[in-house]
Amino acid sequence: MKPNMFLYWNILCFAAERVYRQFDFGRSSIDSGTHRFKKGWSLQEVPSYGGYWVPDSAPLPETNKENPRYRSAIWLWQKLPAGTKLIGPSIVRCLP
């Protein structure tokens, strides 16, 4: 039934009715499923930059999916049913 398409279509109609000039689809990892979905709306991609504050001598965190620290959270996230609402947000905060 493609609920994501329905949701985005209604949001964009809402924005158009109010003559908004921009709509932020949010960030996505390059070539991820959500990135490909959002590109289907003919959007203009804008790089997103982030930063970290770390104590003086601390190393920068390794926030990539290869980091062993995230292995169990990624495994659990992949096993969850698509409609999970209760535990999903607490798990996704642990993912890079």
C-alpha atoms as a PDB file:
ATOM      1  CA  MET A   1       0.000   0.000   0.000  1.00  0.00           C
ATOM      2  CA  LYS A   2       3.099   2.239   0.190  1.00  0.00           C
ATOM      3  CA  PRO A   3       2.319   4.253   3.336  1.00  0.00           C
ATOM      4  CA  ASN A   4       5.584   6.223   3.027  1.00  0.00           C
ATOM      5  CA  MET A   5       4.496   7.581  -0.352  1.00  0.00           C
ATOM      6  CA  PHE A   6       1.115   8.542   1.099  1.00  0.00           C
ATOM      7  CA  LEU A   7       2.732  10.252   4.073  1.00  0.00           C
ATOM      8  CA  TYR A   8       5.222  12.257   1.999  1.00  0.00           C
ATOM      9  CA  TRP A   9       2.582  13.173  -0.592  1.00  0.00           C
ATOM     10  CA  ASN A  10       0.321  14.602   2.132  1.00  0.00           C
ATOM     11  CA  ILE A  11       3.175  16.475   3.778  1.00  0.00           C
ATOM     12  CA  LEU A  12       4.210  17.987   0.444  1.00  0.00           C
ATOM     13  CA  CYS A  13       0.580  18.957  -0.314  1.00  0.00           C
ATOM     14  CA  PHE A  14       0.409  20.631   3.102  1.00  0.00           C
ATOM     15  CA  ALA A  15       3.629  22.534   2.365  1.00  0.00           C
ATOM     16  CA  ALA A  16       2.488  23.534  -1.140  1.00  0.00           C
ATOM     17  CA  GLU A  17      -0.831  24.872   0.158  1.00  0.00           C
ATOM     18  CA  ARG A  18       1.108  27.143   2.493  1.00  0.00           C
ATOM     19  CA  VAL A  19       3.566  28.127  -0.259  1.00  0.00           C
ATOM     20  CA  TYR A  20       6.597  26.748   1.555  1.00  0.00           C
ATOM     21  CA  ARG A  21       9.717  27.002  -0.565  1.00  0.00           C
ATOM     22  CA  GLN A  22      11.705  24.179   1.048  1.00  0.00           C
ATOM     23  CA  PHE A  23      11.049  20.785   2.547  1.00  0.00           C
ATOM     24  CA  ASP A  24      13.681  18.891   4.518  1.00  0.00           C
ATOM     25  CA  PHE A  25      13.441  15.144   3.912  1.00  0.00           C
ATOM     26  CA  GLY A  26      15.947  14.538   6.694  1.00  0.00           C
ATOM     27  CA  ARG A  27      19.295  12.849   6.506  1.00  0.00           C
ATOM     28  CA  SER A  28      20.063   9.422   5.090  1.00  0.00           C
ATOM     29  CA  SER A  29      23.166   7.365   4.524  1.00  0.00           C
ATOM     30  CA  ILE A  30      24.312   7.472   0.891  1.00  0.00           C
ATOM     31  CA  ASP A  31      22.890   4.561  -1.149  1.00  0.00           C
ATOM     32  CA  SER A  32      20.690   3.336   1.717  1.00  0.00           C
ATOM     33  CA  GLY A  33      17.089   2.344   1.087  1.00  0.00           C
ATOM     34  CA  THR A  34      15.787   5.593   2.553  1.00  0.00           C
ATOM     35  CA  HIS A  35      18.260   7.585   0.447  1.00  0.00           C
ATOM     36  CA  ARG A  36      17.044   5.891  -2.753  1.00  0.00           C
ATOM     37  CA  PHE A  37      13.411   6.442  -1.714  1.00  0.00           C
ATOM     38  CA  LYS A  38      13.965  10.144  -1.088  1.00  0.00           C
ATOM     39  CA  LYS A  39      15.877  10.583  -4.365  1.00  0.00           C
ATOM     40  CA  GLY A  40      12.712   9.381  -6.102  1.00  0.00           C
ATOM     41  CA  TRP A  41      11.136  12.710  -5.156  1.00  0.00           C
ATOM     42  CA  SER A  42      13.662  14.637  -7.297  1.00  0.00           C
ATOM     43  CA  LEU A  43      15.209  16.361  -4.337  1.00  0.00           C
ATOM     44  CA  GLN A  44      18.311  18.499  -4.233  1.00  0.00           C
ATOM     45  CA  GLU A  45      20.877  16.798  -2.017  1.00  0.00           C
ATOM     46  CA  VAL A  46      22.731  18.958   0.490  1.00  0.00           C
ATOM     47  CA  PRO A  47      25.680  17.545   2.456  1.00  0.00           C
ATOM     48  CA  SER A  48      25.187  17.353   6.198  1.00  0.00           C
ATOM     49  CA  TYR A  49      28.170  18.025   8.425  1.00  0.00           C
ATOM     50  CA  GLY A  50      28.460  17.110  12.059  1.00  0.00           C
ATOM     51  CA  GLY A  51      30.985  17.433  14.796  1.00  0.00           C
ATOM     52  CA  TYR A  52      31.949  16.000  18.145  1.00  0.00           C
ATOM     53  CA  TRP A  53      33.027  17.498  21.400  1.00  0.00           C
ATOM     54  CA  VAL A  54      35.531  15.277  23.157  1.00  0.00           C
ATOM     55  CA  PRO A  55      37.748  15.905  26.172  1.00  0.00           C
ATOM     56  CA  ASP A  56      41.247  17.139  25.316  1.00  0.00           C
ATOM     57  CA  SER A  57      43.073  13.830  24.987  1.00  0.00           C
ATOM     58  CA  ALA A  58      40.166  11.546  24.025  1.00  0.00           C
ATOM     59  CA  PRO A  59      40.101   9.970  20.549  1.00  0.00           C
ATOM     60  CA  LEU A  60      37.248  10.675  18.151  1.00  0.00           C
ATOM     61  CA  PRO A  61      34.485   8.055  18.338  1.00  0.00           C
ATOM     62  CA  GLU A  62      34.322   5.488  15.535  1.00  0.00           C
ATOM     63  CA  THR A  63      30.722   5.871  14.383  1.00  0.00           C
ATOM     64  CA  ASN A  64      30.579   3.347  11.593  1.00  0.00           C
ATOM     65  CA  LYS A  65      28.718   0.084  11.304  1.00  0.00           C
ATOM     66  CA  GLU A  66      31.979  -1.888  11.394  1.00  0.00           C
ATOM     67  CA  ASN A  67      32.661  -0.771  14.983  1.00  0.00           C
ATOM     68  CA  PRO A  68      32.274  -3.868  17.236  1.00  0.00           C
ATOM     69  CA  ARG A  69      30.570  -1.665  19.829  1.00  0.00           C
ATOM     70  CA  TYR A  70      27.483  -1.485  17.596  1.00  0.00           C
ATOM     71  CA  ARG A  71      27.405  -5.124  16.455  1.00  0.00           C
ATOM     72  CA  SER A  72      24.753  -6.361  18.905  1.00  0.00           C
ATOM     73  CA  ALA A  73      22.522  -3.301  18.439  1.00  0.00           C
ATOM     74  CA  ILE A  74      22.668  -3.673  14.634  1.00  0.00           C
ATOM     75  CA  TRP A  75      21.933  -7.404  14.888  1.00  0.00           C
ATOM     76  CA  LEU A  76      18.936  -6.768  17.156  1.00  0.00           C
ATOM     77  CA  TRP A  77      17.635  -3.949  14.932  1.00  0.00           C
ATOM     78  CA  GLN A  78      17.721  -6.271  11.900  1.00  0.00           C
ATOM     79  CA  LYS A  79      15.660  -8.885  13.767  1.00  0.00           C
ATOM     80  CA  LEU A  80      12.862  -6.511  14.840  1.00  0.00           C
ATOM     81  CA  PRO A  81       9.521  -6.565  13.029  1.00  0.00           C
ATOM     82  CA  ALA A  82       8.968  -3.541  10.800  1.00  0.00           C
ATOM     83  CA  GLY A  83       6.193  -2.089  12.962  1.00  0.00           C
ATOM     84  CA  THR A  84       8.045  -2.153  16.286  1.00  0.00           C
ATOM     85  CA  LYS A  85       7.362   1.034  18.231  1.00  0.00           C
ATOM     86  CA  LEU A  86       8.368   0.304  21.836  1.00  0.00           C
ATOM     87  CA  ILE A  87      11.961  -0.909  21.684  1.00  0.00           C
ATOM     88  CA  GLY A  88      13.002   0.517  18.288  1.00  0.00           C
ATOM     89  CA  PRO A  89      13.810   4.097  19.368  1.00  0.00           C
ATOM     90  CA  SER A  90      16.050   2.936  22.226  1.00  0.00           C
ATOM     91  CA  ILE A  91      17.976   0.649  19.862  1.00  0.00           C
ATOM     92  CA  VAL A  92      18.330   3.062  16.953  1.00  0.00           C
ATOM     93  CA  ARG A  93      20.024   5.621  19.221  1.00  0.00           C
ATOM     94  CA  CYS A  94      22.909   3.137  19.540  1.00  0.00           C
ATOM     95  CA  LEU A  95      23.432   2.768  15.781  1.00  0.00           C
ATOM     96  CA  PRO A  96      25.892   4.843  13.760  1.00  0.00           C
END
